[in-house]
C-alpha atoms as a PDB file:
ATOM      1  CA  MET A   1     134.439 126.163  83.875  1.00  0.00           C
ATOM      2  CA  ILE A   2     134.819 124.588  87.040  1.00  0.00           C
ATOM      3  CA  GLY A   3     131.590 125.706  88.035  1.00  0.00           C
ATOM      4  CA  ARG A   4     129.675 124.370  84.181  1.00  0.00           C
ATOM      5  CA  GLN A   5     131.777 121.235  85.132  1.00  0.00           C
ATOM      6  CA  LYS A   6     130.143 121.084  88.304  1.00  0.00           C
ATOM      7  CA  GLY A   7     126.284 121.436  87.484  1.00  0.00           C
ATOM      8  CA  ALA A   8     126.718 119.032  84.727  1.00  0.00           C
ATOM      9  CA  PHE A   9     128.195 116.375  87.033  1.00  0.00           C
ATOM     10  CA  VAL A  10     125.040 117.696  89.815  1.00  0.00           C
ATOM     11  CA  LYS A  11     122.785 117.068  86.726  1.00  0.00           C
ATOM     12  CA  ARG A  12     123.958 114.375  85.890  1.00  0.00           C
ATOM     13  CA  ARG A  13     123.338 112.417  89.753  1.00  0.00           C
ATOM     14  CA  ALA A  14     120.652 113.850  89.980  1.00  0.00           C
ATOM     15  CA  LEU A  15     119.356 111.814  86.068  1.00  0.00           C
ATOM     16  CA  GLN A  16     121.280 108.486  87.629  1.00  0.00           C
ATOM     17  CA  LEU A  17     119.055 108.771  90.801  1.00  0.00           C
ATOM     18  CA  PHE A  18     115.643 109.599  89.126  1.00  0.00           C
ATOM     19  CA  ALA A  19     116.179 106.025  87.205  1.00  0.00           C
ATOM     20  CA  ALA A  20     117.619 104.539  89.814  1.00  0.00           C
ATOM     21  CA  ALA A  21     114.149 105.820  91.274  1.00  0.00           C
ATOM     22  CA  ALA A  22     112.240 104.813  88.892  1.00  0.00           C
ATOM     23  CA  LEU A  23     114.109 100.978  88.849  1.00  0.00           C
ATOM     24  CA  LEU A  24     112.882 101.102  92.648  1.00  0.00           C
ATOM     25  CA  ALA A  25     109.421 101.520  91.647  1.00  0.00           C
ATOM     26  CA  LEU A  26     109.222  99.275  88.916  1.00  0.00           C
ATOM     27  CA  PRO A  27     108.576  95.764  90.010  1.00  0.00           C
ATOM     28  CA  ALA A  28     105.231  98.086  92.032  1.00  0.00           C
ATOM     29  CA  ALA A  29     103.981  99.056  89.156  1.00  0.00           C
ATOM     30  CA  ALA A  30     104.540  95.427  87.309  1.00  0.00           C
ATOM     31  CA  GLN A  31     101.914  94.414  89.813  1.00  0.00           C
ATOM     32  CA  SER A  32      99.054  92.285  87.683  1.00  0.00           C
ATOM     33  CA  ALA A  33      96.066  91.057  88.631  1.00  0.00           C
ATOM     34  CA  ASP A  34      97.347  87.048  88.544  1.00  0.00           C
ATOM     35  CA  ASP A  35      99.911  88.796  91.192  1.00  0.00           C
ATOM     36  CA  VAL A  36      97.057  90.956  93.485  1.00  0.00           C
ATOM     37  CA  ILE A  37      95.478  87.699  93.345  1.00  0.00           C
ATOM     38  CA  ALA A  38      97.568  84.998  94.715  1.00  0.00           C
ATOM     39  CA  LYS A  39      98.452  87.262  97.203  1.00  0.00           C
ATOM     40  CA  VAL A  40      94.454  87.454  98.084  1.00  0.00           C
ATOM     41  CA  LEU A  41      93.886  84.073  98.512  1.00  0.00           C
ATOM     42  CA  GLN A  42      97.372  83.174 100.759  1.00  0.00           C
ATOM     43  CA  ALA A  43      96.372  86.115 102.907  1.00  0.00           C
ATOM     44  CA  GLN A  44      92.681  84.727 103.218  1.00  0.00           C
ATOM     45  CA  GLY A  45      94.091  81.169 103.922  1.00  0.00           C
ATOM     46  CA  GLY A  46      95.690  79.863 101.003  1.00  0.00           C
ATOM     47  CA  LEU A  47      94.295  77.464  98.263  1.00  0.00           C
ATOM     48  CA  ASP A  48      94.042  74.289  99.121  1.00  0.00           C
ATOM     49  CA  ARG A  49      92.930  75.355 102.456  1.00  0.00           C
ATOM     50  CA  LEU A  50      89.685  77.445 101.071  1.00  0.00           C
ATOM     51  CA  LYS A  51      89.296  74.261  98.206  1.00  0.00           C
ATOM     52  CA  ALA A  52      88.912  71.858 101.071  1.00  0.00           C
ATOM     53  CA  VAL A  53      85.868  73.726 102.274  1.00  0.00           C
ATOM     54  CA  GLN A  54      82.711  71.798 101.533  1.00  0.00           C
ATOM     55  CA  THR A  55      80.288  73.563 103.639  1.00  0.00           C
ATOM     56  CA  GLN A  56      80.030  76.567 105.886  1.00  0.00           C
ATOM     57  CA  ARG A  57      78.050  77.602 108.513  1.00  0.00           C
ATOM     58  CA  VAL A  58      77.917  81.740 109.491  1.00  0.00           C
ATOM     59  CA  THR A  59      75.086  82.831 112.629  1.00  0.00           C
ATOM     60  CA  GLY A  60      74.710  86.371 113.612  1.00  0.00           C
ATOM     61  CA  HIS A  61      73.561  89.337 114.298  1.00  0.00           C
ATOM     62  CA  LEU A  62      71.774  91.709 112.220  1.00  0.00           C
ATOM     63  CA  SER A  63      70.576  95.723 112.389  1.00  0.00           C
ATOM     64  CA  PHE A  64      69.174  98.235 110.213  1.00  0.00           C
ATOM     65  CA  GLY A  65      69.869 100.902 113.184  1.00  0.00           C
ATOM     66  CA  PRO A  66      68.295 101.839 116.114  1.00  0.00           C
ATOM     67  CA  ASP A  67      65.047  99.994 116.150  1.00  0.00           C
ATOM     68  CA  ALA A  68      65.410  96.918 113.876  1.00  0.00           C
ATOM     69  CA  ALA A  69      67.607  94.139 115.022  1.00  0.00           C
ATOM     70  CA  GLY A  70      66.931  90.625 114.317  1.00  0.00           C
ATOM     71  CA  LEU A  71      69.295  87.535 113.357  1.00  0.00           C
ATOM     72  CA  PHE A  72      70.655  85.700 110.346  1.00  0.00           C
ATOM     73  CA  SER A  73      71.772  82.449 110.252  1.00  0.00           C
ATOM     74  CA  LEU A  74      73.687  81.173 106.388  1.00  0.00           C
ATOM     75  CA  GLU A  75      74.604  77.884 105.159  1.00  0.00           C
ATOM     76  CA  LEU A  76      76.726  77.025 102.084  1.00  0.00           C
ATOM     77  CA  LYS A  77      77.165  73.403 100.261  1.00  0.00           C
ATOM     78  CA  ARG A  78      78.861  72.611  97.230  1.00  0.00           C
ATOM     79  CA  PRO A  79      78.460  72.967  94.877  1.00  0.00           C
ATOM     80  CA  GLY A  80      76.187  76.269  94.930  1.00  0.00           C
ATOM     81  CA  LYS A  81      73.920  75.210  97.164  1.00  0.00           C
ATOM     82  CA  MET A  82      72.344  78.245 100.506  1.00  0.00           C
ATOM     83  CA  HIS A  83      70.161  78.297 102.700  1.00  0.00           C
ATOM     84  CA  MET A  84      69.294  81.575 104.162  1.00  0.00           C
ATOM     85  CA  GLU A  85      67.991  83.060 107.054  1.00  0.00           C
ATOM     86  CA  MET A  86      66.566  86.397 108.540  1.00  0.00           C
ATOM     87  CA  THR A  87      64.183  87.456 111.794  1.00  0.00           C
ATOM     88  CA  LEU A  88      62.776  89.866 112.140  1.00  0.00           C
ATOM     89  CA  GLN A  89      59.946  91.721 114.318  1.00  0.00           C
ATOM     90  CA  GLY A  90      58.684  88.413 114.841  1.00  0.00           C
ATOM     91  CA  MET A  91      59.094  87.123 110.758  1.00  0.00           C
ATOM     92  CA  THR A  92      61.314  85.137 109.183  1.00  0.00           C
ATOM     93  CA  LEU A  93      62.302  85.869 105.401  1.00  0.00           C
ATOM     94  CA  VAL A  94      63.720  82.570 104.133  1.00  0.00           C
ATOM     95  CA  ARG A  95      65.881  82.028 101.141  1.00  0.00           C
ATOM     96  CA  ILE A  96      67.325  79.096  98.773  1.00  0.00           C
ATOM     97  CA  TYR A  97      69.247  77.924  96.534  1.00  0.00           C
ATOM     98  CA  ASP A  98      70.019  74.153  95.562  1.00  0.00           C
ATOM     99  CA  GLY A  99      72.766  75.306  93.046  1.00  0.00           C
ATOM    100  CA  GLN A 100      69.931  75.841  89.901  1.00  0.00           C
ATOM    101  CA  LYS A 101      66.448  76.740  91.411  1.00  0.00           C
ATOM    102  CA  GLY A 102      66.083  78.934  93.811  1.00  0.00           C
ATOM    103  CA  TRP A 103      62.775  79.606  96.266  1.00  0.00           C
ATOM    104  CA  GLN A 104      61.969  82.246  99.160  1.00  0.00           C
ATOM    105  CA  VAL A 105      59.425  82.550 101.216  1.00  0.00           C
ATOM    106  CA  ASN A 106      59.069  86.814 102.033  1.00  0.00           C
ATOM    107  CA  PRO A 107      56.425  87.781 105.282  1.00  0.00           C
ATOM    108  CA  PHE A 108      58.046  91.057 104.886  1.00  0.00           C
ATOM    109  CA  ALA A 109      56.308  91.283 101.482  1.00  0.00           C
ATOM    110  CA  GLY A 110      52.940  89.549 102.762  1.00  0.00           C
ATOM    111  CA  LYS A 111      53.492  85.891 101.234  1.00  0.00           C
ATOM    112  CA  ALA A 112      53.517  83.204 103.194  1.00  0.00           C
ATOM    113  CA  GLU A 113      54.038  80.556 100.296  1.00  0.00           C
ATOM    114  CA  PRO A 114      57.031  80.000  99.329  1.00  0.00           C
ATOM    115  CA  GLU A 115      57.675  81.106  95.504  1.00  0.00           C
ATOM    116  CA  GLU A 116      60.207  80.351  92.891  1.00  0.00           C
ATOM    117  CA  MET A 117      62.896  82.589  92.792  1.00  0.00           C
ATOM    118  CA  SER A 118      62.891  85.351  89.463  1.00  0.00           C
ATOM    119  CA  ALA A 119      66.070  85.906  87.041  1.00  0.00           C
ATOM    120  CA  ASP A 120      66.840  88.817  88.605  1.00  0.00           C
ATOM    121  CA  ASP A 121      66.906  86.872  92.094  1.00  0.00           C
ATOM    122  CA  LEU A 122      69.030  83.537  90.683  1.00  0.00           C
ATOM    123  CA  ARG A 123      71.393  86.275  88.578  1.00  0.00           C
ATOM    124  CA  ASN A 124      72.130  87.934  92.647  1.00  0.00           C
ATOM    125  CA  ILE A 125      72.284  84.366  94.796  1.00  0.00           C
ATOM    126  CA  ALA A 126      74.547  82.268  92.096  1.00  0.00           C
ATOM    127  CA  ALA A 127      77.169  84.508  92.886  1.00  0.00           C
ATOM    128  CA  GLU A 128      76.035  84.902  96.858  1.00  0.00           C
ATOM    129  CA  ALA A 129      76.677  80.841  97.352  1.00  0.00           C
ATOM    130  CA  ASP A 130      79.632  80.822  95.740  1.00  0.00           C
ATOM    131  CA  PHE A 131      81.266  80.320  98.909  1.00  0.00           C
ATOM    132  CA  ASP A 132      85.164  80.048  97.038  1.00  0.00           C
ATOM    133  CA  GLY A 133      84.753  83.808  95.689  1.00  0.00           C
ATOM    134  CA  PRO A 134      85.200  84.977  91.895  1.00  0.00           C
ATOM    135  CA  PHE A 135      89.017  84.590  93.279  1.00  0.00           C
ATOM    136  CA  VAL A 136      89.284  80.999  93.106  1.00  0.00           C
ATOM    137  CA  ASP A 137      89.488  79.493  89.697  1.00  0.00           C
ATOM    138  CA  TYR A 138      88.640  83.063  88.003  1.00  0.00           C
ATOM    139  CA  LYS A 139      89.130  82.181  85.461  1.00  0.00           C
ATOM    140  CA  GLN A 140      87.535  78.653  84.375  1.00  0.00           C
ATOM    141  CA  LYS A 141      84.211  80.260  86.001  1.00  0.00           C
ATOM    142  CA  GLY A 142      84.610  82.482  83.498  1.00  0.00           C
ATOM    143  CA  ASN A 143      85.357  86.121  85.263  1.00  0.00           C
ATOM    144  CA  LYS A 144      87.521  88.867  83.630  1.00  0.00           C
ATOM    145  CA  VAL A 145      89.471  90.585  86.231  1.00  0.00           C
ATOM    146  CA  GLU A 146      91.630  93.275  85.927  1.00  0.00           C
ATOM    147  CA  LEU A 147      93.106  94.952  88.317  1.00  0.00           C
ATOM    148  CA  ALA A 148      91.720  98.962  88.208  1.00  0.00           C
ATOM    149  CA  GLY A 149      94.860 101.179  90.536  1.00  0.00           C
ATOM    150  CA  LYS A 150      94.392 101.947  94.348  1.00  0.00           C
ATOM    151  CA  GLU A 151      92.535 104.067  96.169  1.00  0.00           C
ATOM    152  CA  LYS A 152      91.940 105.184  99.657  1.00  0.00           C
ATOM    153  CA  VAL A 153      89.589 102.708 101.586  1.00  0.00           C
ATOM    154  CA  GLY A 154      88.907 103.930 105.384  1.00  0.00           C
ATOM    155  CA  GLY A 155      91.982 106.297 104.827  1.00  0.00           C
ATOM    156  CA  ARG A 156      94.075 103.175 103.612  1.00  0.00           C
ATOM    157  CA  ASP A 157      95.596 101.949 100.498  1.00  0.00           C
ATOM    158  CA  ALA A 158      94.153  98.965  98.626  1.00  0.00           C
ATOM    159  CA  TYR A 159      94.109  97.361  95.417  1.00  0.00           C
ATOM    160  CA  ARG A 160      90.105  97.565  93.268  1.00  0.00           C
ATOM    161  CA  LEU A 161      90.528  94.616  90.980  1.00  0.00           C
ATOM    162  CA  LYS A 162      87.444  94.894  88.744  1.00  0.00           C
ATOM    163  CA  VAL A 163      85.568  91.646  88.432  1.00  0.00           C
ATOM    164  CA  THR A 164      83.495  91.317  85.149  1.00  0.00           C
ATOM    165  CA  PHE A 165      81.169  88.011  84.900  1.00  0.00           C
ATOM    166  CA  PRO A 166      79.787  85.965  82.188  1.00  0.00           C
ATOM    167  CA  ASN A 167      76.660  86.970  82.944  1.00  0.00           C
ATOM    168  CA  GLY A 168      77.968  90.581  82.361  1.00  0.00           C
ATOM    169  CA  ASP A 169      77.843  91.641  85.616  1.00  0.00           C
ATOM    170  CA  VAL A 170      80.597  94.366  86.998  1.00  0.00           C
ATOM    171  CA  GLN A 171      81.648  94.395  90.360  1.00  0.00           C
ATOM    172  CA  SER A 172      84.692  95.766  92.274  1.00  0.00           C
ATOM    173  CA  PHE A 173      86.856  94.747  95.500  1.00  0.00           C
ATOM    174  CA  PHE A 174      88.966  96.799  97.116  1.00  0.00           C
ATOM    175  CA  PHE A 175      91.775  94.347  99.112  1.00  0.00           C
ATOM    176  CA  ASP A 176      93.973  96.955 102.357  1.00  0.00           C
ATOM    177  CA  ALA A 177      97.888  97.325 100.398  1.00  0.00           C
ATOM    178  CA  ASN A 178      99.586  95.431 103.212  1.00  0.00           C
ATOM    179  CA  THR A 179      96.975  92.557 104.766  1.00  0.00           C
ATOM    180  CA  TYR A 180      96.065  91.305 101.174  1.00  0.00           C
ATOM    181  CA  LEU A 181      92.201  91.312 103.367  1.00  0.00           C
ATOM    182  CA  LYS A 182      89.551  92.755 100.938  1.00  0.00           C
ATOM    183  CA  VAL A 183      87.797  95.750 103.537  1.00  0.00           C
ATOM    184  CA  GLU A 184      85.183  96.750 100.100  1.00  0.00           C
ATOM    185  CA  TRP A 185      83.369  95.828  97.539  1.00  0.00           C
ATOM    186  CA  GLN A 186      80.898  97.754  95.246  1.00  0.00           C
ATOM    187  CA  GLY A 187      77.906  96.255  93.515  1.00  0.00           C
ATOM    188  CA  THR A 188      75.336  97.009  91.129  1.00  0.00           C
ATOM    189  CA  ARG A 189      72.004  94.186  91.563  1.00  0.00           C
ATOM    190  CA  LYS A 190      68.798  94.806  89.946  1.00  0.00           C
ATOM    191  CA  ILE A 191      65.794  95.866  92.093  1.00  0.00           C
ATOM    192  CA  ASN A 192      62.397  94.567  90.787  1.00  0.00           C
ATOM    193  CA  GLY A 193      63.773  95.785  87.725  1.00  0.00           C
ATOM    194  CA  LYS A 194      65.835  97.828  88.431  1.00  0.00           C
ATOM    195  CA  ASP A 195      69.618  98.320  89.227  1.00  0.00           C
ATOM    196  CA  THR A 196      70.150  99.717  92.494  1.00  0.00           C
ATOM    197  CA  VAL A 197      74.141 100.535  93.645  1.00  0.00           C
ATOM    198  CA  PHE A 198      75.811  98.043  96.842  1.00  0.00           C
ATOM    199  CA  GLU A 199      78.474  98.780  99.336  1.00  0.00           C
ATOM    200  CA  SER A 200      80.032  96.931 101.511  1.00  0.00           C
ATOM    201  CA  PHE A 201      82.663  97.212 104.266  1.00  0.00           C
ATOM    202  CA  PHE A 202      84.082  94.294 105.896  1.00  0.00           C
ATOM    203  CA  SER A 203      86.734  94.200 109.345  1.00  0.00           C
ATOM    204  CA  ASP A 204      86.472  92.188 112.130  1.00  0.00           C
ATOM    205  CA  PHE A 205      89.333  89.911 110.907  1.00  0.00           C
ATOM    206  CA  ARG A 206      89.499  86.489 112.679  1.00  0.00           C
ATOM    207  CA  GLU A 207      90.903  82.956 112.227  1.00  0.00           C
ATOM    208  CA  VAL A 208      88.729  80.023 111.473  1.00  0.00           C
ATOM    209  CA  GLY A 209      90.142  76.458 111.188  1.00  0.00           C
ATOM    210  CA  GLY A 210      93.450  78.282 109.225  1.00  0.00           C
ATOM    211  CA  LEU A 211      91.146  80.703 107.155  1.00  0.00           C
ATOM    212  CA  LYS A 212      90.225  84.712 107.906  1.00  0.00           C
ATOM    213  CA  MET A 213      87.003  85.719 108.043  1.00  0.00           C
ATOM    214  CA  PRO A 214      85.630  89.336 108.482  1.00  0.00           C
ATOM    215  CA  TYR A 215      83.063  89.426 111.691  1.00  0.00           C
ATOM    216  CA  VAL A 216      81.895  92.822 110.420  1.00  0.00           C
ATOM    217  CA  ILE A 217      80.133  93.918 106.994  1.00  0.00           C
ATOM    218  CA  GLU A 218      78.513  96.951 106.624  1.00  0.00           C
ATOM    219  CA  SER A 219      76.522  97.611 103.919  1.00  0.00           C
ATOM    220  CA  GLU A 220      74.638 100.549 102.130  1.00  0.00           C
ATOM    221  CA  ASN A 221      72.949 100.889  98.971  1.00  0.00           C
ATOM    222  CA  ALA A 222      72.198 104.108  96.952  1.00  0.00           C
ATOM    223  CA  ASP A 223      68.135 103.921  97.511  1.00  0.00           C
ATOM    224  CA  ASN A 224      67.781 103.589 101.660  1.00  0.00           C
ATOM    225  CA  PRO A 225      70.597 105.372 103.425  1.00  0.00           C
ATOM    226  CA  GLN A 226      69.782 103.353 105.955  1.00  0.00           C
ATOM    227  CA  LYS A 227      73.291 100.928 107.220  1.00  0.00           C
ATOM    228  CA  GLN A 228      72.920  97.760 107.242  1.00  0.00           C
ATOM    229  CA  THR A 229      75.655  96.043 109.566  1.00  0.00           C
ATOM    230  CA  MET A 230      75.973  92.005 109.758  1.00  0.00           C
ATOM    231  CA  THR A 231      78.108  90.982 112.677  1.00  0.00           C
ATOM    232  CA  LEU A 232      78.739  87.360 113.252  1.00  0.00           C
ATOM    233  CA  ASP A 233      78.788  85.482 116.548  1.00  0.00           C
ATOM    234  CA  LYS A 234      79.988  82.083 114.676  1.00  0.00           C
ATOM    235  CA  VAL A 235      81.799  80.488 111.645  1.00  0.00           C
ATOM    236  CA  GLU A 236      81.691  76.681 111.884  1.00  0.00           C
ATOM    237  CA  ILE A 237      82.923  75.757 108.116  1.00  0.00           C
ATOM    238  CA  ASN A 238      83.266  71.138 107.387  1.00  0.00           C
ATOM    239  CA  VAL A 239      79.742  70.279 109.848  1.00  0.00           C
ATOM    240  CA  LYS A 240      76.960  68.528 108.393  1.00  0.00           C
ATOM    241  CA  GLU A 241      74.372  70.173 106.505  1.00  0.00           C
ATOM    242  CA  ASP A 242      71.316  67.663 104.787  1.00  0.00           C
ATOM    243  CA  ASP A 243      70.687  67.995 101.199  1.00  0.00           C
ATOM    244  CA  SER A 244      67.061  69.024 102.036  1.00  0.00           C
ATOM    245  CA  ARG A 245      68.119  71.970 103.942  1.00  0.00           C
ATOM    246  CA  PHE A 246      68.348  73.312 100.060  1.00  0.00           C
ATOM    247  CA  ALA A 247      64.665  71.766  99.372  1.00  0.00           C
ATOM    248  CA  PRO A 248      62.121  73.941  98.658  1.00  0.00           C
ATOM    249  CA  PRO A 249      61.514  75.694 101.913  1.00  0.00           C
ATOM    250  CA  ALA A 250      58.210  75.336 103.809  1.00  0.00           C
ATOM    251  CA  LYS A 251      54.956  78.179 104.615  1.00  0.00           C
ATOM    252  CA  ALA A 252      56.889  81.042 105.798  1.00  0.00           C
ATOM    253  CA  LYS A 253      57.606  81.222 109.579  1.00  0.00           C
ATOM    254  CA  VAL A 254      56.042  84.364 112.378  1.00  0.00           C
ATOM    255  CA  ASN A 255      57.502  83.943 115.525  1.00  0.00           C
END
């Protein structure tokens, strides 16, 4: 009898402990996409600082392997303007977007004259030119965000936020579960009419004007096993950017 009473007592205590453990786990289990977004924006420097940035200029190095390296520059200006150049093997690729129209000069494809971007190119560059990213005012932008659980990225837990854009594109962003800094991006982009899966990994975060930015970005896609590495040399915010930088480009540069 005593043994049965003792067994019942132990069972009750075990159930109480399991119930307590479940209660302790509730905050994490109940965490929403908005909870994660709030922590992500705070980790980047805070919403006020992010919205205070009017222009951004980035310069750095590109590497496509030991035999292919070059320089790149990226200029961004509100609302949604972008000027990007990449110099490799003596030729310079130029991509420009004024917030509505886009142009490019691609000497690597044998095209020295500027041409208007295709619908697929415009679809890609519009997202690139939004340097706030998809989570700032995401509802006003028409983005749908879901918290899609946790996954391992580089051996560390990361929250996955799945974003569905108004044009139907779906991308996933992964944020370190401890620092809430972005560690990976996955998405599909149309290249020459074909859906191509891309991945990017972010590291070496540094502070610039109170904002945390990755200084190393490694990218790859399913159709090309060669990894591309972008290493930032300098990041400037709120520098003067004349609107002429976002006008149609001139003829291709060949050094």
